[in-house]
N, C-alpha and C. Protein backbone atom coordinates (compact mmCIF):
# COMPACT_ATOMS: atom_id res chain seq x y z
N MET A 1 16.54 -24.07 7.22
CA MET A 1 15.68 -24.13 8.39
C MET A 1 15.13 -25.55 8.53
N ASN A 2 15.12 -26.04 9.73
CA ASN A 2 14.56 -27.37 9.94
C ASN A 2 13.05 -27.26 10.14
N PHE A 3 12.42 -28.40 10.29
CA PHE A 3 10.96 -28.44 10.37
C PHE A 3 10.44 -27.68 11.59
N LYS A 4 11.09 -27.84 12.75
CA LYS A 4 10.62 -27.15 13.96
C LYS A 4 10.68 -25.64 13.79
N GLN A 5 11.76 -25.15 13.21
CA GLN A 5 11.90 -23.71 13.01
C GLN A 5 10.84 -23.20 12.04
N ARG A 6 10.61 -23.93 10.97
CA ARG A 6 9.60 -23.49 9.99
C ARG A 6 8.21 -23.50 10.60
N SER A 7 7.89 -24.54 11.36
CA SER A 7 6.56 -24.60 11.96
C SER A 7 6.38 -23.51 13.01
N PHE A 8 7.42 -23.23 13.80
CA PHE A 8 7.36 -22.15 14.77
C PHE A 8 7.14 -20.82 14.06
N PHE A 9 7.87 -20.60 12.98
CA PHE A 9 7.73 -19.36 12.23
C PHE A 9 6.32 -19.23 11.67
N ALA A 10 5.78 -20.32 11.13
CA ALA A 10 4.44 -20.28 10.55
C ALA A 10 3.39 -19.98 11.62
N VAL A 11 3.50 -20.63 12.76
CA VAL A 11 2.53 -20.41 13.83
C VAL A 11 2.63 -18.99 14.37
N SER A 12 3.85 -18.52 14.61
CA SER A 12 3.99 -17.17 15.15
C SER A 12 3.52 -16.12 14.16
N THR A 13 3.74 -16.35 12.88
CA THR A 13 3.26 -15.42 11.86
C THR A 13 1.73 -15.37 11.85
N CYS A 14 1.09 -16.53 11.93
CA CYS A 14 -0.37 -16.57 11.94
C CYS A 14 -0.93 -15.86 13.16
N VAL A 15 -0.32 -16.10 14.31
CA VAL A 15 -0.80 -15.45 15.54
C VAL A 15 -0.62 -13.94 15.43
N ALA A 16 0.53 -13.51 14.95
CA ALA A 16 0.78 -12.07 14.82
C ALA A 16 -0.21 -11.42 13.85
N LEU A 17 -0.45 -12.07 12.73
CA LEU A 17 -1.39 -11.51 11.76
C LEU A 17 -2.80 -11.44 12.34
N THR A 18 -3.18 -12.45 13.08
CA THR A 18 -4.51 -12.46 13.69
C THR A 18 -4.63 -11.34 14.71
N LEU A 19 -3.61 -11.18 15.55
CA LEU A 19 -3.67 -10.16 16.59
C LEU A 19 -3.66 -8.74 16.03
N PHE A 20 -2.88 -8.53 14.99
CA PHE A 20 -2.72 -7.17 14.49
C PHE A 20 -3.69 -6.79 13.38
N SER A 21 -4.28 -7.77 12.71
CA SER A 21 -5.19 -7.41 11.62
C SER A 21 -6.64 -7.32 12.07
N SER A 22 -7.04 -8.07 13.09
CA SER A 22 -8.44 -8.05 13.50
C SER A 22 -8.88 -6.69 14.02
N PRO A 23 -8.08 -5.91 14.77
CA PRO A 23 -8.55 -4.59 15.18
C PRO A 23 -8.71 -3.62 14.01
N MET A 24 -8.06 -3.90 12.89
CA MET A 24 -8.13 -3.01 11.75
C MET A 24 -9.42 -3.19 10.95
N LEU A 25 -10.02 -4.36 11.02
CA LEU A 25 -11.19 -4.63 10.20
C LEU A 25 -12.35 -3.68 10.47
N PRO A 26 -12.78 -3.45 11.71
CA PRO A 26 -13.87 -2.50 11.94
C PRO A 26 -13.53 -1.08 11.50
N ALA A 27 -12.29 -0.66 11.68
CA ALA A 27 -11.90 0.69 11.28
C ALA A 27 -11.98 0.84 9.77
N ARG A 28 -11.55 -0.17 9.04
CA ARG A 28 -11.64 -0.11 7.58
C ARG A 28 -13.08 -0.13 7.12
N ALA A 29 -13.92 -0.90 7.79
CA ALA A 29 -15.33 -0.93 7.43
C ALA A 29 -15.98 0.42 7.67
N ALA A 30 -15.62 1.07 8.78
CA ALA A 30 -16.17 2.40 9.08
C ALA A 30 -15.72 3.41 8.03
N THR A 31 -14.48 3.31 7.58
CA THR A 31 -13.98 4.21 6.54
C THR A 31 -14.73 3.98 5.25
N ALA A 32 -14.99 2.72 4.92
CA ALA A 32 -15.71 2.41 3.69
C ALA A 32 -17.15 2.92 3.78
N ASP A 33 -17.77 2.79 4.96
CA ASP A 33 -19.13 3.28 5.14
C ASP A 33 -19.19 4.80 5.01
N ALA A 34 -18.17 5.47 5.54
CA ALA A 34 -18.15 6.92 5.46
C ALA A 34 -18.02 7.37 4.02
N GLY A 35 -17.23 6.65 3.25
CA GLY A 35 -17.07 7.00 1.84
C GLY A 35 -18.30 6.66 1.02
N ALA A 36 -19.07 5.66 1.45
CA ALA A 36 -20.25 5.24 0.71
C ALA A 36 -21.47 6.09 1.04
N SER A 37 -21.43 6.82 2.14
CA SER A 37 -22.58 7.63 2.52
C SER A 37 -22.72 8.83 1.58
N GLY A 38 -23.79 9.57 1.78
CA GLY A 38 -24.08 10.69 0.89
C GLY A 38 -23.11 11.84 1.01
N THR A 39 -22.39 11.94 2.11
CA THR A 39 -21.45 13.05 2.27
C THR A 39 -20.15 12.73 1.57
N ALA A 40 -19.72 13.62 0.74
CA ALA A 40 -18.46 13.43 0.03
C ALA A 40 -17.36 14.12 0.80
N LEU A 41 -16.34 13.35 1.16
CA LEU A 41 -15.21 13.91 1.88
C LEU A 41 -14.15 14.36 0.88
N SER A 42 -13.52 15.46 1.20
CA SER A 42 -12.45 15.91 0.33
C SER A 42 -11.25 14.99 0.51
N LYS A 43 -10.31 15.09 -0.38
CA LYS A 43 -9.13 14.24 -0.34
C LYS A 43 -8.35 14.47 0.95
N GLU A 44 -8.26 15.73 1.38
CA GLU A 44 -7.53 16.04 2.60
C GLU A 44 -8.24 15.50 3.83
N GLU A 45 -9.59 15.60 3.84
CA GLU A 45 -10.35 15.08 4.98
C GLU A 45 -10.24 13.57 5.07
N LEU A 46 -10.29 12.90 3.93
CA LEU A 46 -10.16 11.45 3.90
C LEU A 46 -8.77 11.03 4.37
N LYS A 47 -7.76 11.76 3.93
CA LYS A 47 -6.39 11.47 4.35
C LYS A 47 -6.24 11.68 5.86
N ALA A 48 -6.81 12.75 6.39
CA ALA A 48 -6.74 13.03 7.82
C ALA A 48 -7.47 11.95 8.62
N GLN A 49 -8.60 11.50 8.10
CA GLN A 49 -9.36 10.45 8.79
C GLN A 49 -8.57 9.14 8.80
N LYS A 50 -7.96 8.80 7.69
CA LYS A 50 -7.16 7.57 7.64
C LYS A 50 -5.97 7.66 8.59
N LYS A 51 -5.36 8.83 8.66
CA LYS A 51 -4.21 9.02 9.54
C LYS A 51 -4.64 8.87 11.00
N ALA A 52 -5.79 9.44 11.35
CA ALA A 52 -6.30 9.33 12.72
C ALA A 52 -6.62 7.88 13.06
N ASP A 53 -7.23 7.15 12.11
CA ASP A 53 -7.53 5.74 12.33
C ASP A 53 -6.24 4.94 12.53
N ARG A 54 -5.24 5.22 11.72
CA ARG A 54 -3.96 4.52 11.80
C ARG A 54 -3.29 4.80 13.16
N GLN A 55 -3.33 6.04 13.61
CA GLN A 55 -2.74 6.40 14.89
C GLN A 55 -3.48 5.73 16.04
N ALA A 56 -4.81 5.65 15.93
CA ALA A 56 -5.60 5.00 16.98
C ALA A 56 -5.28 3.51 17.05
N ARG A 57 -5.17 2.86 15.90
CA ARG A 57 -4.82 1.43 15.87
C ARG A 57 -3.44 1.20 16.47
N ARG A 58 -2.48 2.06 16.10
CA ARG A 58 -1.13 1.93 16.62
C ARG A 58 -1.10 2.14 18.14
N ALA A 59 -1.84 3.13 18.63
CA ALA A 59 -1.89 3.38 20.07
C ALA A 59 -2.50 2.19 20.81
N LYS A 60 -3.55 1.60 20.24
CA LYS A 60 -4.18 0.44 20.87
C LYS A 60 -3.22 -0.74 20.90
N LYS A 61 -2.52 -0.99 19.78
CA LYS A 61 -1.56 -2.09 19.71
C LYS A 61 -0.44 -1.88 20.71
N ASN A 62 0.09 -0.67 20.79
CA ASN A 62 1.18 -0.38 21.72
C ASN A 62 0.72 -0.51 23.17
N ALA A 63 -0.51 -0.11 23.46
CA ALA A 63 -1.04 -0.25 24.81
C ALA A 63 -1.18 -1.72 25.19
N GLU A 64 -1.67 -2.55 24.26
CA GLU A 64 -1.81 -3.98 24.52
C GLU A 64 -0.44 -4.61 24.74
N LEU A 65 0.53 -4.26 23.91
CA LEU A 65 1.87 -4.80 24.05
C LEU A 65 2.50 -4.36 25.37
N SER A 66 2.30 -3.11 25.74
CA SER A 66 2.83 -2.60 27.00
C SER A 66 2.23 -3.36 28.18
N THR A 67 0.95 -3.62 28.14
CA THR A 67 0.28 -4.37 29.20
C THR A 67 0.87 -5.78 29.30
N LEU A 68 1.07 -6.43 28.16
CA LEU A 68 1.65 -7.78 28.17
C LEU A 68 3.07 -7.76 28.71
N GLU A 69 3.85 -6.75 28.33
CA GLU A 69 5.22 -6.66 28.82
C GLU A 69 5.26 -6.43 30.32
N LYS A 70 4.33 -5.64 30.86
CA LYS A 70 4.26 -5.41 32.30
C LYS A 70 3.90 -6.68 33.05
N ASN A 71 3.27 -7.62 32.37
CA ASN A 71 2.86 -8.87 32.99
C ASN A 71 3.79 -10.03 32.64
N GLY A 72 4.99 -9.72 32.18
CA GLY A 72 6.02 -10.75 32.03
C GLY A 72 6.33 -11.20 30.63
N TYR A 73 5.66 -10.70 29.60
CA TYR A 73 5.94 -11.15 28.23
C TYR A 73 7.05 -10.29 27.64
N ASN A 74 8.02 -10.94 27.01
CA ASN A 74 9.11 -10.23 26.35
C ASN A 74 9.18 -10.70 24.90
N PRO A 75 8.66 -9.91 23.94
CA PRO A 75 8.64 -10.36 22.55
C PRO A 75 10.03 -10.55 21.95
N ALA A 76 11.04 -9.90 22.51
CA ALA A 76 12.39 -10.03 21.98
C ALA A 76 13.19 -11.10 22.72
N GLY A 77 12.61 -11.71 23.72
CA GLY A 77 13.32 -12.67 24.55
C GLY A 77 13.32 -14.07 23.94
N ASN A 78 13.70 -15.02 24.76
CA ASN A 78 13.75 -16.43 24.36
C ASN A 78 12.33 -16.91 24.06
N GLN A 79 12.11 -17.42 22.88
CA GLN A 79 10.78 -17.82 22.44
C GLN A 79 10.58 -19.33 22.43
N THR A 80 11.36 -20.06 23.23
CA THR A 80 11.19 -21.51 23.24
C THR A 80 9.85 -21.92 23.84
N ASN A 81 9.31 -21.12 24.74
CA ASN A 81 7.99 -21.38 25.32
C ASN A 81 6.98 -20.36 24.82
N TYR A 82 7.07 -20.03 23.54
CA TYR A 82 6.31 -18.90 22.97
C TYR A 82 4.82 -18.90 23.27
N PRO A 83 4.07 -19.87 22.91
CA PRO A 83 2.63 -19.67 23.14
C PRO A 83 2.29 -19.59 24.62
N GLN A 84 2.99 -20.36 25.42
CA GLN A 84 2.64 -20.40 26.84
C GLN A 84 3.01 -19.11 27.55
N ASN A 85 4.18 -18.53 27.25
CA ASN A 85 4.55 -17.30 27.95
C ASN A 85 3.65 -16.13 27.55
N LEU A 86 3.16 -16.10 26.32
CA LEU A 86 2.21 -15.08 25.90
C LEU A 86 0.87 -15.28 26.59
N GLN A 87 0.42 -16.53 26.65
CA GLN A 87 -0.86 -16.82 27.30
C GLN A 87 -0.80 -16.51 28.79
N ASN A 88 0.34 -16.80 29.43
CA ASN A 88 0.49 -16.47 30.85
C ASN A 88 0.38 -14.96 31.07
N ALA A 89 1.02 -14.18 30.21
CA ALA A 89 0.94 -12.72 30.33
C ALA A 89 -0.49 -12.23 30.10
N GLN A 90 -1.19 -12.83 29.15
CA GLN A 90 -2.58 -12.44 28.90
C GLN A 90 -3.46 -12.76 30.10
N GLN A 91 -3.22 -13.92 30.72
CA GLN A 91 -4.01 -14.29 31.89
C GLN A 91 -3.72 -13.38 33.08
N LYS A 92 -2.44 -13.01 33.27
CA LYS A 92 -2.09 -12.08 34.34
C LYS A 92 -2.77 -10.73 34.11
N ALA A 93 -2.77 -10.28 32.86
CA ALA A 93 -3.39 -8.99 32.53
C ALA A 93 -4.89 -9.01 32.78
N ALA A 94 -5.51 -10.18 32.58
CA ALA A 94 -6.94 -10.31 32.80
C ALA A 94 -7.28 -10.55 34.27
N GLY A 95 -6.25 -10.67 35.12
CA GLY A 95 -6.48 -10.86 36.54
C GLY A 95 -6.65 -12.31 36.94
N GLN A 96 -6.33 -13.22 36.05
CA GLN A 96 -6.44 -14.65 36.34
C GLN A 96 -5.07 -15.18 36.75
N LYS A 97 -5.08 -16.32 37.42
CA LYS A 97 -3.83 -16.96 37.78
C LYS A 97 -3.31 -17.69 36.54
N PRO A 98 -2.06 -17.42 36.11
CA PRO A 98 -1.55 -18.07 34.90
C PRO A 98 -1.33 -19.56 35.12
N THR A 99 -1.62 -20.33 34.08
CA THR A 99 -1.34 -21.76 34.10
C THR A 99 0.02 -21.99 33.47
N ASN A 100 0.77 -22.91 34.00
CA ASN A 100 2.09 -23.18 33.48
C ASN A 100 2.15 -24.49 32.71
N ALA A 101 1.00 -24.98 32.29
CA ALA A 101 0.96 -26.21 31.51
C ALA A 101 1.51 -25.96 30.13
N PRO A 102 2.14 -26.95 29.51
CA PRO A 102 2.63 -26.76 28.14
C PRO A 102 1.48 -26.56 27.18
N ALA A 103 1.71 -25.75 26.17
CA ALA A 103 0.66 -25.45 25.20
C ALA A 103 0.30 -26.66 24.37
N VAL A 104 1.30 -27.49 24.05
CA VAL A 104 1.08 -28.68 23.25
C VAL A 104 1.72 -29.85 23.97
N ALA A 105 0.97 -30.92 24.15
CA ALA A 105 1.52 -32.09 24.82
C ALA A 105 2.53 -32.78 23.90
N PRO A 106 3.68 -33.18 24.43
CA PRO A 106 4.70 -33.81 23.58
C PRO A 106 4.33 -35.20 23.13
């Protein structure tokens, strides 16, 4: 892999981790608080709660991705303009006019 490919991979990995891990943090904190409270949950109840949290996170992620795809973003498509095409889709979803400026000046 050349330098451009490695840097693209590193940036896209960081963005993906940020987007997909931040919604999980409050849910994990709520689970920890529930376990720390005075009520003791059975193993089955805790498992069911974790499953429900996981399904809710997945549904939220899929809804966000669906919204971006409806506004022109294709995660499996050509990624040569990766940050800009994602930002344009986010701006369209927010009801703003997308900017077509390059993300990084050459």
